[in-house]
Amino acid sequence: MSEITRPALALFDFDGTITDEDMFSLFLNYSATGLRKWLGKIVITPFYMLYKVGIIPARRMRPIASVIAFSGRDAEQVKVLGERFARDVIIRHLRPQAKEKLDWHQRRGDTIVIVSASLNAYLKPWCDAQGYHLLCSEVLNDSKRMSGLYRYGDCSLERKVERVTATFDLSHYCTVYAYGDTHEDIPMLKLADIAMMNWQPWTNSDKNSSQ
């Protein structure tokens, strides 16, 4: 009897790795309308300035922006906007090298997981259409009205590792691949047998130069 070949696990960051722009920021702007958009810009400006000068890190800024953007919103409306965004906007921002690598893993029958601090509002419909697994920051749940709060916290840094290892038994895979583009992906890259940072080979010794 021939030996059963174990599949590989391919972990992909999304914003900046698969896409050429920050989809989180684009979606906040895409989904905001009218008075909320105007008031949101006023409320978020002080936090944004602190973020730009490095006082508030991105992992803190995203949840703040999410509450400002989605608190009290009709969940079904945001869900529809997320589906439209996934269909019409994301496709225009996919990196060719990312699409090529995703297709390569899919042809091999590997388990592809998008592990992202971006939001399930648009990542879930996009991943469902592509046949990818998804671990991300979850702002949409079963509630009819949104709180804007994340269900499992911001999916970045060590939280990416926690989500991956809680969902997948790495010993079941022959090889673990990981792809990222910023220091927020480094803990996930450390899980991998083969890691890429900004589409270049990465090892643990590259940590200081990646930050």
C-alpha atoms as a PDB file:
ATOM      1  CA  MET A   1       0.000   0.000   0.000  1.00  0.00           C
ATOM      2  CA  SER A   2       1.428   3.384  -0.952  1.00  0.00           C
ATOM      3  CA  GLU A   3       2.033   5.953   1.741  1.00  0.00           C
ATOM      4  CA  ILE A   4      -0.669   8.618   2.021  1.00  0.00           C
ATOM      5  CA  THR A   5       0.842  12.016   1.300  1.00  0.00           C
ATOM      6  CA  ARG A   6      -0.075  14.630   3.884  1.00  0.00           C
ATOM      7  CA  PRO A   7      -1.174  18.014   2.525  1.00  0.00           C
ATOM      8  CA  ALA A   8       0.655  21.255   3.219  1.00  0.00           C
ATOM      9  CA  LEU A   9      -0.777  24.193   5.154  1.00  0.00           C
ATOM     10  CA  ALA A  10      -0.443  27.631   3.557  1.00  0.00           C
ATOM     11  CA  LEU A  11      -1.019  30.660   5.826  1.00  0.00           C
ATOM     12  CA  PHE A  12      -1.497  33.996   4.077  1.00  0.00           C
ATOM     13  CA  ASP A  13      -1.737  37.474   5.539  1.00  0.00           C
ATOM     14  CA  PHE A  14      -4.154  39.577   3.478  1.00  0.00           C
ATOM     15  CA  ASP A  15      -3.612  43.366   3.494  1.00  0.00           C
ATOM     16  CA  GLY A  16      -0.330  44.205   1.802  1.00  0.00           C
ATOM     17  CA  THR A  17       0.500  40.551   1.138  1.00  0.00           C
ATOM     18  CA  ILE A  18      -2.318  39.425  -1.129  1.00  0.00           C
ATOM     19  CA  THR A  19      -3.451  42.982  -1.902  1.00  0.00           C
ATOM     20  CA  ASP A  20      -1.532  46.084  -2.938  1.00  0.00           C
ATOM     21  CA  GLU A  21      -3.497  48.355  -0.575  1.00  0.00           C
ATOM     22  CA  ASP A  22      -4.944  48.305   2.927  1.00  0.00           C
ATOM     23  CA  MET A  23      -8.433  46.855   2.425  1.00  0.00           C
ATOM     24  CA  PHE A  24      -9.408  47.620   6.031  1.00  0.00           C
ATOM     25  CA  SER A  25      -9.136  51.375   5.459  1.00  0.00           C
ATOM     26  CA  LEU A  26     -10.717  51.160   2.014  1.00  0.00           C
ATOM     27  CA  PHE A  27     -13.728  49.300   3.397  1.00  0.00           C
ATOM     28  CA  LEU A  28     -14.264  51.753   6.238  1.00  0.00           C
ATOM     29  CA  ASN A  29     -14.424  54.528   3.680  1.00  0.00           C
ATOM     30  CA  TYR A  30     -16.484  52.411   1.252  1.00  0.00           C
ATOM     31  CA  SER A  31     -19.103  51.463   3.843  1.00  0.00           C
ATOM     32  CA  ALA A  32     -19.530  54.870   5.523  1.00  0.00           C
ATOM     33  CA  THR A  33     -22.175  57.263   4.241  1.00  0.00           C
ATOM     34  CA  GLY A  34     -23.816  60.543   5.103  1.00  0.00           C
ATOM     35  CA  LEU A  35     -23.680  61.967   8.599  1.00  0.00           C
ATOM     36  CA  ARG A  36     -21.817  58.962  10.039  1.00  0.00           C
ATOM     37  CA  LYS A  37     -18.998  59.451   7.536  1.00  0.00           C
ATOM     38  CA  TRP A  38     -18.674  63.135   8.444  1.00  0.00           C
ATOM     39  CA  LEU A  39     -18.898  62.591  12.202  1.00  0.00           C
ATOM     40  CA  GLY A  40     -16.619  59.547  11.981  1.00  0.00           C
ATOM     41  CA  LYS A  41     -13.837  61.598  10.454  1.00  0.00           C
ATOM     42  CA  ILE A  42     -14.085  64.131  13.270  1.00  0.00           C
ATOM     43  CA  VAL A  43     -14.095  61.501  16.025  1.00  0.00           C
ATOM     44  CA  ILE A  44     -11.305  59.387  14.566  1.00  0.00           C
ATOM     45  CA  THR A  45      -8.902  62.222  13.722  1.00  0.00           C
ATOM     46  CA  PRO A  46      -7.248  62.497  17.198  1.00  0.00           C
ATOM     47  CA  PHE A  47      -6.723  58.719  17.328  1.00  0.00           C
ATOM     48  CA  TYR A  48      -5.402  58.710  13.772  1.00  0.00           C
ATOM     49  CA  MET A  49      -2.858  61.420  14.575  1.00  0.00           C
ATOM     50  CA  LEU A  50      -1.623  59.402  17.566  1.00  0.00           C
ATOM     51  CA  TYR A  51      -1.375  56.360  15.302  1.00  0.00           C
ATOM     52  CA  LYS A  52       0.624  58.262  12.665  1.00  0.00           C
ATOM     53  CA  VAL A  53       3.217  59.403  15.221  1.00  0.00           C
ATOM     54  CA  GLY A  54       3.514  55.885  16.621  1.00  0.00           C
ATOM     55  CA  ILE A  55       1.794  56.343  19.978  1.00  0.00           C
ATOM     56  CA  ILE A  56      -1.130  54.061  19.114  1.00  0.00           C
ATOM     57  CA  PRO A  57      -0.069  50.850  17.292  1.00  0.00           C
ATOM     58  CA  ALA A  58      -2.087  49.511  14.374  1.00  0.00           C
ATOM     59  CA  ARG A  59      -3.448  46.636  16.484  1.00  0.00           C
ATOM     60  CA  ARG A  60      -5.078  49.227  18.791  1.00  0.00           C
ATOM     61  CA  MET A  61      -6.096  51.650  16.071  1.00  0.00           C
ATOM     62  CA  ARG A  62      -8.110  49.128  14.050  1.00  0.00           C
ATOM     63  CA  PRO A  63     -10.545  48.220  16.871  1.00  0.00           C
ATOM     64  CA  ILE A  64     -11.059  51.921  17.676  1.00  0.00           C
ATOM     65  CA  ALA A  65     -11.811  52.654  14.012  1.00  0.00           C
ATOM     66  CA  SER A  66     -14.165  49.677  13.859  1.00  0.00           C
ATOM     67  CA  VAL A  67     -16.275  50.876  16.794  1.00  0.00           C
ATOM     68  CA  ILE A  68     -16.485  54.386  15.323  1.00  0.00           C
ATOM     69  CA  ALA A  69     -17.413  53.038  11.885  1.00  0.00           C
ATOM     70  CA  PHE A  70     -19.884  50.278  12.802  1.00  0.00           C
ATOM     71  CA  SER A  71     -21.386  50.855  16.251  1.00  0.00           C
ATOM     72  CA  GLY A  72     -25.174  50.751  15.892  1.00  0.00           C
ATOM     73  CA  ARG A  73     -25.104  49.892  12.187  1.00  0.00           C
ATOM     74  CA  ASP A  74     -27.594  47.458  10.687  1.00  0.00           C
ATOM     75  CA  ALA A  75     -25.630  44.214  10.342  1.00  0.00           C
ATOM     76  CA  GLU A  76     -27.438  43.069   7.212  1.00  0.00           C
ATOM     77  CA  GLN A  77     -26.625  46.328   5.463  1.00  0.00           C
ATOM     78  CA  VAL A  78     -22.922  45.994   6.291  1.00  0.00           C
ATOM     79  CA  LYS A  79     -22.997  42.337   5.220  1.00  0.00           C
ATOM     80  CA  VAL A  80     -24.359  43.341   1.803  1.00  0.00           C
ATOM     81  CA  LEU A  81     -21.734  46.076   1.499  1.00  0.00           C
ATOM     82  CA  GLY A  82     -19.040  43.552   2.410  1.00  0.00           C
ATOM     83  CA  GLU A  83     -20.216  41.137  -0.288  1.00  0.00           C
ATOM     84  CA  ARG A  84     -20.203  43.921  -2.870  1.00  0.00           C
ATOM     85  CA  PHE A  85     -16.762  45.080  -1.740  1.00  0.00           C
ATOM     86  CA  ALA A  86     -15.419  41.519  -2.007  1.00  0.00           C
ATOM     87  CA  ARG A  87     -16.815  41.142  -5.513  1.00  0.00           C
ATOM     88  CA  ASP A  88     -16.044  44.558  -6.991  1.00  0.00           C
ATOM     89  CA  VAL A  89     -13.116  46.096  -5.080  1.00  0.00           C
ATOM     90  CA  ILE A  90     -10.796  43.378  -3.800  1.00  0.00           C
ATOM     91  CA  ILE A  91     -10.354  41.904  -7.262  1.00  0.00           C
ATOM     92  CA  ARG A  92      -8.803  45.191  -8.438  1.00  0.00           C
ATOM     93  CA  HIS A  93      -6.111  45.097  -5.740  1.00  0.00           C
ATOM     94  CA  LEU A  94      -4.784  41.526  -5.896  1.00  0.00           C
ATOM     95  CA  ARG A  95      -1.031  41.219  -6.312  1.00  0.00           C
ATOM     96  CA  PRO A  96      -0.124  39.040  -9.331  1.00  0.00           C
ATOM     97  CA  GLN A  97       2.526  37.135  -7.346  1.00  0.00           C
ATOM     98  CA  ALA A  98      -0.007  36.445  -4.586  1.00  0.00           C
ATOM     99  CA  LYS A  99      -2.601  35.139  -7.037  1.00  0.00           C
ATOM    100  CA  GLU A 100       0.048  32.942  -8.651  1.00  0.00           C
ATOM    101  CA  LYS A 101       1.098  31.458  -5.292  1.00  0.00           C
ATOM    102  CA  LEU A 102      -2.497  30.949  -4.128  1.00  0.00           C
ATOM    103  CA  ASP A 103      -3.284  29.134  -7.369  1.00  0.00           C
ATOM    104  CA  TRP A 104      -0.145  27.013  -6.960  1.00  0.00           C
ATOM    105  CA  HIS A 105      -1.185  25.900  -3.486  1.00  0.00           C
ATOM    106  CA  GLN A 106      -4.725  25.227  -4.655  1.00  0.00           C
ATOM    107  CA  ARG A 107      -3.537  23.039  -7.552  1.00  0.00           C
ATOM    108  CA  ARG A 108      -1.453  21.021  -5.069  1.00  0.00           C
ATOM    109  CA  GLY A 109      -4.471  20.455  -2.849  1.00  0.00           C
ATOM    110  CA  ASP A 110      -2.944  22.360   0.071  1.00  0.00           C
ATOM    111  CA  THR A 111      -5.061  23.831   2.866  1.00  0.00           C
ATOM    112  CA  ILE A 112      -5.096  27.588   2.297  1.00  0.00           C
ATOM    113  CA  VAL A 113      -5.893  29.849   5.252  1.00  0.00           C
ATOM    114  CA  ILE A 114      -6.208  33.625   5.149  1.00  0.00           C
ATOM    115  CA  VAL A 115      -5.028  34.874   8.560  1.00  0.00           C
ATOM    116  CA  SER A 116      -5.723  38.576   8.775  1.00  0.00           C
ATOM    117  CA  ALA A 117      -6.439  41.581  10.964  1.00  0.00           C
ATOM    118  CA  SER A 118      -8.869  42.654   8.246  1.00  0.00           C
ATOM    119  CA  LEU A 119     -12.610  42.166   8.703  1.00  0.00           C
ATOM    120  CA  ASN A 120     -14.889  39.200   8.105  1.00  0.00           C
ATOM    121  CA  ALA A 121     -17.495  41.524   6.548  1.00  0.00           C
ATOM    122  CA  TYR A 122     -15.649  41.334   3.227  1.00  0.00           C
ATOM    123  CA  LEU A 123     -13.071  38.597   3.796  1.00  0.00           C
ATOM    124  CA  LYS A 124     -15.660  35.859   4.400  1.00  0.00           C
ATOM    125  CA  PRO A 125     -17.499  36.306   1.079  1.00  0.00           C
ATOM    126  CA  TRP A 126     -14.174  36.621  -0.742  1.00  0.00           C
ATOM    127  CA  CYS A 127     -12.700  33.494   0.883  1.00  0.00           C
ATOM    128  CA  ASP A 128     -15.927  31.537   0.393  1.00  0.00           C
ATOM    129  CA  ALA A 129     -15.824  32.345  -3.334  1.00  0.00           C
ATOM    130  CA  GLN A 130     -12.190  31.193  -3.585  1.00  0.00           C
ATOM    131  CA  GLY A 131     -12.512  28.103  -1.388  1.00  0.00           C
ATOM    132  CA  TYR A 132     -10.093  29.362   1.297  1.00  0.00           C
ATOM    133  CA  HIS A 133     -10.318  28.967   5.072  1.00  0.00           C
ATOM    134  CA  LEU A 134     -10.459  32.202   7.079  1.00  0.00           C
ATOM    135  CA  LEU A 135      -9.202  33.408  10.464  1.00  0.00           C
ATOM    136  CA  CYS A 136      -9.601  37.155  10.893  1.00  0.00           C
ATOM    137  CA  SER A 137     -10.911  40.038  12.991  1.00  0.00           C
ATOM    138  CA  GLU A 138     -14.652  39.406  13.311  1.00  0.00           C
ATOM    139  CA  VAL A 139     -16.936  42.404  13.463  1.00  0.00           C
ATOM    140  CA  LEU A 140     -20.060  40.739  12.025  1.00  0.00           C
ATOM    141  CA  ASN A 141     -21.850  38.104  14.100  1.00  0.00           C
ATOM    142  CA  ASP A 142     -25.449  36.960  14.605  1.00  0.00           C
ATOM    143  CA  SER A 143     -26.630  40.278  16.073  1.00  0.00           C
ATOM    144  CA  LYS A 144     -28.926  42.467  13.986  1.00  0.00           C
ATOM    145  CA  ARG A 145     -27.236  45.619  15.253  1.00  0.00           C
ATOM    146  CA  MET A 146     -23.463  45.885  15.291  1.00  0.00           C
ATOM    147  CA  SER A 147     -21.425  46.948  18.299  1.00  0.00           C
ATOM    148  CA  GLY A 148     -18.280  47.430  16.242  1.00  0.00           C
ATOM    149  CA  LEU A 149     -16.390  45.333  18.811  1.00  0.00           C
ATOM    150  CA  TYR A 150     -14.270  42.388  17.688  1.00  0.00           C
ATOM    151  CA  ARG A 151     -15.442  38.918  18.654  1.00  0.00           C
ATOM    152  CA  TYR A 152     -11.954  37.477  19.216  1.00  0.00           C
ATOM    153  CA  GLY A 153      -9.835  40.615  19.293  1.00  0.00           C
ATOM    154  CA  ASP A 154      -7.552  42.009  16.623  1.00  0.00           C
ATOM    155  CA  CYS A 155      -6.125  39.107  14.596  1.00  0.00           C
ATOM    156  CA  SER A 156      -2.495  40.199  14.461  1.00  0.00           C
ATOM    157  CA  LEU A 157       0.880  39.280  15.984  1.00  0.00           C
ATOM    158  CA  GLU A 158       0.591  36.438  18.545  1.00  0.00           C
ATOM    159  CA  ARG A 159      -3.191  36.339  18.093  1.00  0.00           C
ATOM    160  CA  LYS A 160      -2.597  34.974  14.590  1.00  0.00           C
ATOM    161  CA  VAL A 161      -0.623  32.091  16.069  1.00  0.00           C
ATOM    162  CA  GLU A 162      -3.298  31.450  18.711  1.00  0.00           C
ATOM    163  CA  ARG A 163      -6.051  31.324  16.103  1.00  0.00           C
ATOM    164  CA  VAL A 164      -4.072  29.063  13.762  1.00  0.00           C
ATOM    165  CA  THR A 165      -2.958  26.552  16.396  1.00  0.00           C
ATOM    166  CA  ALA A 166      -6.443  26.428  17.964  1.00  0.00           C
ATOM    167  CA  THR A 167      -7.977  25.586  14.584  1.00  0.00           C
ATOM    168  CA  PHE A 168      -5.360  23.412  12.863  1.00  0.00           C
ATOM    169  CA  ASP A 169      -3.128  20.607  14.149  1.00  0.00           C
ATOM    170  CA  LEU A 170       0.164  21.478  12.469  1.00  0.00           C
ATOM    171  CA  SER A 171       1.400  17.904  12.862  1.00  0.00           C
ATOM    172  CA  HIS A 172      -1.164  16.827  10.279  1.00  0.00           C
ATOM    173  CA  TYR A 173       0.654  18.752   7.550  1.00  0.00           C
ATOM    174  CA  CYS A 174       3.840  17.806   5.733  1.00  0.00           C
ATOM    175  CA  THR A 175       4.919  21.436   5.352  1.00  0.00           C
ATOM    176  CA  VAL A 176       3.709  24.750   6.751  1.00  0.00           C
ATOM    177  CA  TYR A 177       4.083  27.801   4.505  1.00  0.00           C
ATOM    178  CA  ALA A 178       3.494  31.370   5.702  1.00  0.00           C
ATOM    179  CA  TYR A 179       3.348  34.657   3.806  1.00  0.00           C
ATOM    180  CA  GLY A 180       3.357  38.141   5.345  1.00  0.00           C
ATOM    181  CA  ASP A 181       4.465  41.720   4.804  1.00  0.00           C
ATOM    182  CA  THR A 182       4.944  43.435   8.205  1.00  0.00           C
ATOM    183  CA  HIS A 183       6.196  42.803  11.750  1.00  0.00           C
ATOM    184  CA  GLU A 184       2.599  41.878  12.676  1.00  0.00           C
ATOM    185  CA  ASP A 185       3.082  38.672  10.682  1.00  0.00           C
ATOM    186  CA  ILE A 186       6.388  37.595  12.251  1.00  0.00           C
ATOM    187  CA  PRO A 187       4.874  35.309  14.938  1.00  0.00           C
ATOM    188  CA  MET A 188       2.963  33.496  12.185  1.00  0.00           C
ATOM    189  CA  LEU A 189       6.057  33.268   9.989  1.00  0.00           C
ATOM    190  CA  LYS A 190       7.870  31.576  12.872  1.00  0.00           C
ATOM    191  CA  LEU A 191       5.359  28.721  12.694  1.00  0.00           C
ATOM    192  CA  ALA A 192       6.360  27.927   9.142  1.00  0.00           C
ATOM    193  CA  ASP A 193       8.862  25.585   7.550  1.00  0.00           C
ATOM    194  CA  ILE A 194       8.935  27.930   4.557  1.00  0.00           C
ATOM    195  CA  ALA A 195       8.240  31.641   5.153  1.00  0.00           C
ATOM    196  CA  MET A 196       8.073  34.667   2.870  1.00  0.00           C
ATOM    197  CA  MET A 197       8.140  38.335   3.885  1.00  0.00           C
ATOM    198  CA  ASN A 198       7.138  40.730   1.094  1.00  0.00           C
ATOM    199  CA  TRP A 199       7.549  37.811  -1.310  1.00  0.00           C
ATOM    200  CA  GLN A 200      11.167  37.257  -0.325  1.00  0.00           C
ATOM    201  CA  PRO A 201      12.462  34.242   1.664  1.00  0.00           C
ATOM    202  CA  TRP A 202      12.434  34.952   5.414  1.00  0.00           C
ATOM    203  CA  THR A 203      14.106  33.286   8.383  1.00  0.00           C
ATOM    204  CA  ASN A 204      14.101  34.054  12.119  1.00  0.00           C
ATOM    205  CA  SER A 205      17.407  35.864  11.701  1.00  0.00           C
ATOM    206  CA  ASP A 206      15.607  38.438   9.543  1.00  0.00           C
ATOM    207  CA  LYS A 207      13.436  39.636  12.451  1.00  0.00           C
ATOM    208  CA  ASN A 208      15.316  42.836  13.229  1.00  0.00           C
ATOM    209  CA  SER A 209      15.513  43.934   9.608  1.00  0.00           C
ATOM    210  CA  SER A 210      11.780  43.263   9.119  1.00  0.00           C
ATOM    211  CA  GLN A 211      10.605  45.593  11.861  1.00  0.00           C
END
